Protein backbone atom coordinates (compact mmCIF):
# COMPACT_ATOMS: atom_id res chain seq x y z
CA UNK A 1 0.01 -0.01 0.00
CA UNK A 2 1.33 3.45 -0.97
CA UNK A 3 1.56 5.88 1.97
CA UNK A 4 3.37 9.16 2.40
CA UNK A 5 6.03 9.42 5.15
CA UNK A 6 4.67 11.11 8.22
CA UNK A 7 6.81 14.19 7.81
CA UNK A 8 5.64 14.71 4.24
CA UNK A 9 2.03 14.29 5.27
CA UNK A 10 2.47 16.85 8.05
CA UNK A 11 4.00 19.32 5.63
CA UNK A 12 1.05 18.87 3.26
CA UNK A 13 -1.40 19.46 6.14
CA UNK A 14 0.46 22.63 7.10
CA UNK A 15 0.25 23.94 3.51
CA UNK A 16 -3.41 22.96 3.34
CA UNK A 17 -4.15 25.09 6.43
CA UNK A 18 -2.14 27.97 4.99
CA UNK A 19 -4.07 27.84 1.77
CA UNK A 20 -7.44 27.68 3.55
CA UNK A 21 -6.54 30.48 6.04
CA UNK A 22 -4.38 32.82 4.08
CA UNK A 23 -4.95 32.39 0.31
CA UNK A 24 -8.57 31.36 -0.29
CA UNK A 25 -9.84 34.49 1.57
CA UNK A 26 -7.98 36.60 -1.02
CA UNK A 27 -9.86 35.01 -3.95
CA UNK A 28 -12.64 37.62 -3.86
CA UNK A 29 -10.15 40.43 -4.43
CA UNK A 30 -8.25 38.51 -7.05
CA UNK A 31 -11.50 37.72 -8.96
CA UNK A 32 -12.56 41.40 -8.75
CA UNK A 33 -9.31 42.51 -10.31
CA UNK A 34 -9.64 39.92 -13.09
CA UNK A 35 -13.24 41.01 -13.72
CA UNK A 36 -12.14 44.60 -14.25
CA UNK A 37 -9.44 43.60 -16.74
CA UNK A 38 -6.47 43.99 -14.41
CA UNK A 39 -3.79 41.45 -13.66
CA UNK A 40 -5.14 38.69 -11.42
CA UNK A 41 -2.15 38.70 -9.18
CA UNK A 42 -1.62 39.85 -5.62
CA UNK A 43 -1.05 43.46 -4.70
CA UNK A 44 2.31 44.39 -3.24
CA UNK A 45 0.70 44.77 0.20
CA UNK A 46 -1.05 41.39 -0.03
CA UNK A 47 2.11 39.65 -1.22
CA UNK A 48 4.28 41.19 1.52
CA UNK A 49 1.88 39.92 4.16
CA UNK A 50 1.74 36.43 2.65
CA UNK A 51 5.47 36.18 2.40
CA UNK A 52 5.89 37.20 6.00
CA UNK A 53 3.48 34.42 6.99
CA UNK A 54 5.46 31.93 4.88
CA UNK A 55 8.64 32.80 6.74
CA UNK A 56 6.90 32.41 10.11
CA UNK A 57 5.64 28.96 9.10
CA UNK A 58 8.97 27.85 7.60
CA UNK A 59 7.38 27.60 4.14
CA UNK A 60 10.37 29.07 2.40
CA UNK A 61 13.11 27.60 0.25
CA UNK A 62 11.54 24.17 0.51
CA UNK A 63 13.68 22.64 -2.23
CA UNK A 64 16.68 24.92 -1.77
CA UNK A 65 19.89 23.00 -0.78
CA UNK A 66 20.80 23.29 2.92
CA UNK A 67 24.04 25.08 2.12
CA UNK A 68 21.86 28.00 0.78
CA UNK A 69 19.58 28.00 3.82
CA UNK A 70 16.85 25.76 2.47
CA UNK A 71 15.08 22.62 3.59
CA UNK A 72 16.29 20.53 0.56
CA UNK A 73 13.03 18.54 0.46
CA UNK A 74 12.67 15.75 -2.07
CA UNK A 75 10.21 15.89 -4.95
CA UNK A 76 7.94 13.34 -3.19
CA UNK A 77 7.39 15.98 -0.43
CA UNK A 78 7.08 18.93 -2.74
CA UNK A 79 4.36 17.51 -4.93
CA UNK A 80 1.98 17.41 -1.91
CA UNK A 81 2.74 21.11 -1.43
CA UNK A 82 2.02 21.92 -5.03
CA UNK A 83 -1.26 19.90 -4.86
CA UNK A 84 -2.51 22.09 -2.01
CA UNK A 85 -1.41 25.27 -3.87
CA UNK A 86 -3.50 24.17 -6.80
CA UNK A 87 -6.73 24.41 -4.73
CA UNK A 88 -6.90 28.16 -4.99
CA UNK A 89 -7.09 30.54 -7.92
CA UNK A 90 -4.85 32.98 -6.01
CA UNK A 91 -1.54 32.98 -8.00
CA UNK A 92 1.08 32.34 -5.38
CA UNK A 93 4.01 29.91 -5.07
CA UNK A 94 6.44 29.61 -2.22
CA UNK A 95 9.73 31.32 -3.10
CA UNK A 96 11.92 30.77 -4.94
CA UNK A 97 10.31 29.46 -8.14
CA UNK A 98 11.62 25.93 -8.45
CA UNK A 99 12.40 25.31 -12.10
CA UNK A 100 15.01 28.08 -12.51
CA UNK A 101 16.40 27.16 -9.13
CA UNK A 102 17.13 23.67 -10.21
CA UNK A 103 18.72 24.81 -13.46
CA UNK A 104 21.00 27.15 -11.55
CA UNK A 105 21.93 24.44 -9.02
CA UNK A 106 22.78 22.00 -11.89
CA UNK A 107 25.10 24.15 -13.93
CA UNK A 108 25.96 27.48 -12.35
CA UNK A 109 29.66 28.01 -11.63
CA UNK A 110 30.95 29.15 -8.23
CA UNK A 111 30.88 32.84 -9.18
CA UNK A 112 27.34 32.60 -10.55
CA UNK A 113 26.20 30.72 -7.44
CA UNK A 114 27.32 33.63 -5.24
CA UNK A 115 26.02 36.33 -7.57
CA UNK A 116 22.70 34.75 -8.66
CA UNK A 117 21.81 31.46 -7.01
CA UNK A 118 22.32 32.47 -3.37
CA UNK A 119 20.17 35.64 -3.44
CA UNK A 120 17.62 33.74 -5.59
CA UNK A 121 17.51 30.91 -3.07
CA UNK A 122 16.94 33.49 -0.27
CA UNK A 123 14.04 34.99 -2.19
CA UNK A 124 15.89 38.28 -2.57
CA UNK A 125 16.21 38.04 -6.37
CA UNK A 126 13.75 37.01 -9.10
CA UNK A 127 14.28 35.44 -12.45
CA UNK A 128 12.60 34.58 -15.71
CA UNK A 129 13.54 32.25 -18.60
CA UNK A 130 13.26 33.09 -22.34
CA UNK A 131 12.91 30.07 -24.59
CA UNK A 132 10.08 30.41 -27.09
CA UNK A 133 10.26 32.61 -30.19
CA UNK A 134 7.72 34.09 -32.56
CA UNK A 135 6.95 31.54 -35.24
CA UNK A 136 8.91 28.78 -33.56
CA UNK A 137 7.37 28.24 -30.13
CA UNK A 138 9.62 26.01 -28.07
CA UNK A 139 10.95 24.04 -31.07
CA UNK A 140 14.76 24.23 -30.81
CA UNK A 141 14.98 23.59 -34.59
CA UNK A 142 13.22 26.91 -35.18
CA UNK A 143 15.30 28.92 -32.73
CA UNK A 144 16.85 31.92 -34.50
CA UNK A 145 18.00 34.04 -31.59
CA UNK A 146 21.74 33.92 -31.93
CA UNK A 147 24.75 34.81 -29.75
CA UNK A 148 28.05 35.57 -31.48
CA UNK A 149 31.40 35.76 -29.64
CA UNK A 150 33.24 39.05 -29.88
CA UNK A 151 36.51 38.98 -27.90
CA UNK A 152 35.67 38.20 -24.28
CA UNK A 153 32.01 39.06 -24.87
CA UNK A 154 28.94 37.60 -26.49
CA UNK A 155 26.48 39.67 -28.53
CA UNK A 156 22.85 38.45 -28.58
CA UNK A 157 20.38 39.33 -31.30
CA UNK A 158 16.85 37.97 -31.65
CA UNK A 159 13.36 37.89 -30.16
CA UNK A 160 11.68 35.84 -27.43
CA UNK A 161 7.97 35.60 -26.62
CA UNK A 162 5.64 34.29 -23.96
CA UNK A 163 8.09 35.06 -21.22
CA UNK A 164 6.56 35.22 -17.73
CA UNK A 165 7.47 37.35 -14.69
CA UNK A 166 9.68 39.73 -16.66
CA UNK A 167 8.88 42.97 -14.75
CA UNK A 168 9.95 41.48 -11.45
CA UNK A 169 13.00 39.60 -12.85
CA UNK A 170 16.44 40.78 -11.80
CA UNK A 171 17.87 38.51 -14.47
CA UNK A 172 16.61 36.43 -17.36
CA UNK A 173 18.04 33.12 -18.56
CA UNK A 174 18.10 33.46 -22.30
CA UNK A 175 18.45 30.50 -24.68
CA UNK A 176 20.34 31.39 -27.89
CA UNK A 177 21.93 29.46 -30.71
CA UNK A 178 25.72 29.54 -30.74
CA UNK A 179 26.43 26.65 -33.05
CA UNK A 180 25.19 25.16 -36.30
CA UNK A 181 23.20 22.22 -34.94
CA UNK A 182 19.70 21.78 -36.31
CA UNK A 183 17.86 21.01 -33.05
CA UNK A 184 19.23 20.95 -29.56
CA UNK A 185 22.82 21.09 -30.58
CA UNK A 186 24.55 24.41 -30.32
CA UNK A 187 22.00 26.03 -27.93
CA UNK A 188 23.56 27.94 -25.05
CA UNK A 189 22.07 29.46 -21.91
CA UNK A 190 23.04 33.02 -20.93
CA UNK A 191 22.24 35.07 -17.85
CA UNK A 192 21.15 38.55 -18.89
CA UNK A 193 20.64 41.12 -16.12
CA UNK A 194 17.88 43.67 -16.07
CA UNK A 195 18.80 47.01 -17.70
CA UNK A 196 21.60 45.45 -19.85
CA UNK A 197 21.85 47.67 -22.96
CA UNK A 198 20.17 46.01 -25.89
CA UNK A 199 17.72 44.06 -23.70
CA UNK A 200 14.27 45.46 -24.56
CA UNK A 201 10.85 44.57 -23.18
CA UNK A 202 8.94 45.01 -26.43
CA UNK A 203 5.42 44.50 -25.19
CA UNK A 204 3.13 43.04 -22.55
CA UNK A 205 0.78 40.35 -23.77
CA UNK A 206 -2.51 39.89 -21.83
CA UNK A 207 -3.43 36.23 -21.46
CA UNK A 208 -6.38 34.30 -20.23
CA UNK A 209 -7.23 34.62 -16.56
CA UNK A 210 -5.64 38.03 -16.03
CA UNK A 211 -2.15 36.58 -16.58
CA UNK A 212 0.53 38.45 -18.53
CA UNK A 213 3.55 37.36 -20.60
CA UNK A 214 6.09 39.48 -22.51
CA UNK A 215 7.85 39.70 -25.80
CA UNK A 216 11.54 40.53 -25.55
CA UNK A 217 13.91 41.95 -28.13
CA UNK A 218 17.73 41.61 -28.05
CA UNK A 219 19.56 44.19 -30.20
CA UNK A 220 23.30 43.84 -30.06
CA UNK A 221 22.90 42.88 -26.41
CA UNK A 222 26.51 42.54 -25.19
CA UNK A 223 27.29 40.42 -22.17
CA UNK A 224 30.62 39.10 -20.86
CA UNK A 225 31.57 35.46 -21.37
CA UNK A 226 31.17 34.92 -17.61
CA UNK A 227 27.37 35.11 -18.19
CA UNK A 228 27.25 31.73 -19.93
CA UNK A 229 25.19 29.44 -17.77
CA UNK A 230 26.69 25.96 -18.05
CA UNK A 231 28.62 24.85 -21.08
CA UNK A 232 28.69 26.58 -24.46
CA UNK A 233 26.51 24.72 -26.91
CA UNK A 234 25.04 22.43 -24.25
CA UNK A 235 22.26 24.54 -22.75
CA UNK A 236 19.41 22.38 -23.88
CA UNK A 237 19.85 19.55 -21.35
CA UNK A 238 19.71 21.78 -18.20
CA UNK A 239 16.80 23.66 -19.79
CA UNK A 240 15.02 20.30 -20.07
CA UNK A 241 15.71 19.70 -16.38
CA UNK A 242 13.83 22.89 -15.38
CA UNK A 243 11.03 21.99 -17.75
CA UNK A 244 10.77 18.54 -16.07
CA UNK A 245 10.51 20.22 -12.62
CA UNK A 246 7.74 22.51 -13.94
CA UNK A 247 5.81 19.69 -15.51
CA UNK A 248 5.82 17.71 -12.24
CA UNK A 249 4.50 20.83 -10.55
CA UNK A 250 1.77 21.23 -13.16
CA UNK A 251 0.61 17.63 -12.58
CA UNK A 252 0.31 18.25 -8.88
CA UNK A 253 -1.34 21.61 -9.40
CA UNK A 254 -3.87 19.91 -11.61
CA UNK A 255 -4.72 17.45 -8.84
CA UNK A 256 -5.41 20.35 -6.47
CA UNK A 257 -7.43 22.29 -8.98
CA UNK A 258 -9.52 19.22 -9.72
CA UNK A 259 -10.06 18.51 -6.00
CA UNK A 260 -11.33 22.04 -5.47
CA UNK A 261 -13.68 21.72 -8.50
CA UNK A 262 -14.96 18.33 -7.36
CA UNK A 263 -15.57 19.62 -3.80
CA UNK A 264 -17.52 22.60 -5.11
CA UNK A 265 -19.55 20.31 -7.46
CA UNK A 266 -20.42 17.85 -4.67
CA UNK A 267 -21.44 20.64 -2.22
CA UNK A 268 -23.61 22.38 -4.78
CA UNK A 269 -25.34 19.32 -6.28
CA UNK A 270 -26.30 18.04 -2.81
CA UNK A 271 -28.14 21.29 -2.17
CA UNK A 272 -29.55 22.16 -5.61
CA UNK A 273 -32.98 20.77 -6.38
CA UNK A 274 -34.49 20.83 -9.88
CA UNK A 275 -37.80 19.35 -10.93
CA UNK A 276 -38.21 17.83 -7.47
CA UNK A 277 -34.93 16.07 -7.28
CA UNK A 278 -31.41 16.89 -6.02
CA UNK A 279 -28.79 17.23 -8.77
CA UNK A 280 -26.69 14.74 -6.73
CA UNK A 281 -29.35 12.08 -7.22
CA UNK A 282 -29.15 12.30 -11.06
CA UNK A 283 -27.03 9.75 -12.85
CA UNK A 284 -25.25 12.19 -15.11
CA UNK A 285 -23.99 14.12 -12.09
CA UNK A 286 -23.04 10.98 -10.24
CA UNK A 287 -20.99 9.80 -13.19
CA UNK A 288 -19.16 13.12 -13.35
CA UNK A 289 -18.33 12.78 -9.70
CA UNK A 290 -17.23 9.16 -9.98
CA UNK A 291 -15.07 9.87 -13.05
CA UNK A 292 -13.50 12.83 -11.32
CA UNK A 293 -12.63 10.89 -8.19
CA UNK A 294 -11.06 8.07 -10.24
CA UNK A 295 -9.02 10.35 -12.43
CA UNK A 296 -7.78 12.46 -9.48
CA UNK A 297 -6.69 9.27 -7.71
CA UNK A 298 -4.90 8.04 -10.86
CA UNK A 299 -3.21 11.38 -11.47
CA UNK A 300 -2.01 11.65 -7.88
CA UNK A 301 -0.42 8.21 -8.11
CA UNK A 302 1.24 9.15 -11.41
CA UNK A 303 2.65 12.33 -9.87
CA UNK A 304 4.09 10.52 -6.83
CA UNK A 305 5.53 7.75 -9.04
CA UNK A 306 7.36 10.36 -11.11
CA UNK A 307 8.48 12.20 -7.95
CA UNK A 308 9.84 9.01 -6.38
CA UNK A 309 11.79 8.14 -9.53
CA UNK A 310 13.19 11.69 -9.73
CA UNK A 311 14.31 11.44 -6.09
CA UNK A 312 16.07 8.21 -7.01
CA UNK A 313 17.99 10.01 -9.73
CA UNK A 314 16.15 8.43 -12.65
CA UNK A 315 15.33 10.11 -15.96
CA UNK A 316 11.62 11.03 -15.62
CA UNK A 317 11.15 13.10 -18.76
CA UNK A 318 8.59 10.70 -20.12
CA UNK A 319 6.80 10.45 -16.80
CA UNK A 320 6.81 14.24 -16.53
CA UNK A 321 5.19 14.51 -19.98
CA UNK A 322 2.56 12.04 -18.89
CA UNK A 323 1.61 13.82 -15.70
CA UNK A 324 1.61 17.22 -17.31
CA UNK A 325 -0.58 15.95 -20.21
CA UNK A 326 -2.93 13.80 -18.12
CA UNK A 327 -3.20 16.32 -15.30
CA UNK A 328 -4.10 19.42 -17.40
CA UNK A 329 -6.60 17.51 -19.58
CA UNK A 330 -8.12 15.92 -16.45
CA UNK A 331 -8.50 19.33 -14.73
CA UNK A 332 -10.03 20.82 -17.87
CA UNK A 333 -12.76 18.18 -17.88
CA UNK A 334 -13.49 18.20 -14.14
CA UNK A 335 -13.60 22.02 -13.84
CA UNK A 336 -15.93 22.17 -16.91
CA UNK A 337 -18.29 19.58 -15.34
CA UNK A 338 -18.24 21.55 -12.07
CA UNK A 339 -19.09 24.73 -14.00
CA UNK A 340 -21.89 22.94 -15.83
CA UNK A 341 -23.36 21.61 -12.58
CA UNK A 342 -23.65 25.17 -11.33
CA UNK A 343 -25.62 26.30 -14.43
CA UNK A 344 -25.47 30.01 -15.15
CA UNK A 345 -23.56 30.69 -11.90
CA UNK A 346 -20.87 28.32 -13.11
CA UNK A 347 -19.92 30.75 -15.88
CA UNK A 348 -20.22 33.83 -13.69
CA UNK A 349 -17.08 35.75 -12.94
CA UNK A 350 -17.86 35.63 -9.19
CA UNK A 351 -16.78 32.02 -8.84
CA UNK A 352 -13.15 30.80 -8.88
CA UNK A 353 -14.10 28.03 -11.32
CA UNK A 354 -13.96 30.33 -14.33
CA UNK A 355 -10.50 31.61 -13.37
CA UNK A 356 -9.30 28.08 -12.78
CA UNK A 357 -10.66 27.08 -16.23
CA UNK A 358 -8.72 29.86 -17.84
CA UNK A 359 -5.61 29.00 -15.98
CA UNK A 360 -5.67 25.29 -16.90
CA UNK A 361 -6.41 26.23 -20.55
CA UNK A 362 -3.10 28.05 -20.66
CA UNK A 363 -1.44 25.14 -18.89
CA UNK A 364 -2.34 22.88 -21.82
CA UNK A 365 -0.09 25.11 -24.00
CA UNK A 366 2.85 26.19 -21.94
CA UNK A 367 5.80 23.90 -20.99
CA UNK A 368 5.01 22.00 -24.19
CA UNK A 369 1.44 21.65 -25.70
CA UNK A 370 -0.48 18.44 -25.24
CA UNK A 371 0.17 17.36 -28.85
CA UNK A 372 3.98 17.64 -28.50
CA UNK A 373 3.85 15.56 -25.27
CA UNK A 374 1.83 12.85 -26.99
CA UNK A 375 4.29 12.79 -29.79
CA UNK A 376 7.24 12.56 -27.36
CA UNK A 377 5.57 9.77 -25.33
CA UNK A 378 4.73 7.81 -28.45
CA UNK A 379 8.24 8.11 -29.84
CA UNK A 380 9.70 6.91 -26.54
CA UNK A 381 7.41 3.85 -26.47
CA UNK A 382 7.97 3.08 -30.14
CA UNK A 383 11.72 3.48 -29.69
CA UNK A 384 11.71 0.72 -27.10
């Protein structure tokens, strides 16, 4: 029988209480901002208060190595944290954001660890990563942003799009082609600091659910060779590492979102009476509830299996693709059924369901769209 270790279960319970007490009460304000066309994020005042609470509770640097002041928790503990975070439409994650953290841990040199990793691990610095390009998406074969060596410097020219968290970022990890390979070969990661000449925030792009991404332009953006993150021409593998971390997160977030939608559906259908009968007594509703419970259970087991394998040092790229694909499509269906069970109120802006539906719709695109993950999974299985 699968069972979480006691300390992992206690951590998840602590996060669950934090979400119920400190985040869910903020949903009304977040929904009001989204309704009025603003960003759906927290205000500076709200975020400052939440971060202070996180520090008090020890919910800080959960997967940061101990030498940088963190708890160095395994993936199998973290996915329970992410699941609880998924239960609310309030956009908040415990600092620092994990994917870029793991990329820095994997390949940053000693100087970069002091300059970038340590303040990032303490939550004193913020980062973004620029991978996708107009017309190419995340396909490395279509990457045209190029970095050319000039003495002891590199000069970057090109465009990136769909980059999140740019305004808050103290530095951006930029993927650029430095060699002649057709796909992953010859792609190098660079650290570009805010306000570097030639680094331009071209435009803000409003997305579903009050989210924002950004298009970046690099015009003769000159950076020293010391800003290479990892090895020249071998930036794709560590980038894949941070994508794997994010995909595991997304699978766990999807479990949490689906749990919230199922809870709302059950509560509502037990109370709502139509034509003399509770909605909960109708077969269609019962099947939605049964299917949701089964799929959530299956997805949770998939997530924990991938997390345990990652903790054991195994390559979990295929498993990460599976949980990201299954989780986001599962959450799409369960949230939609919950909205349908509420009738007109289900599509009203007042409920968190509509914001969750918009969020999971974008999740089916970023970190690799569903179709690309199906292709990757199939190729892996066929290749066996």
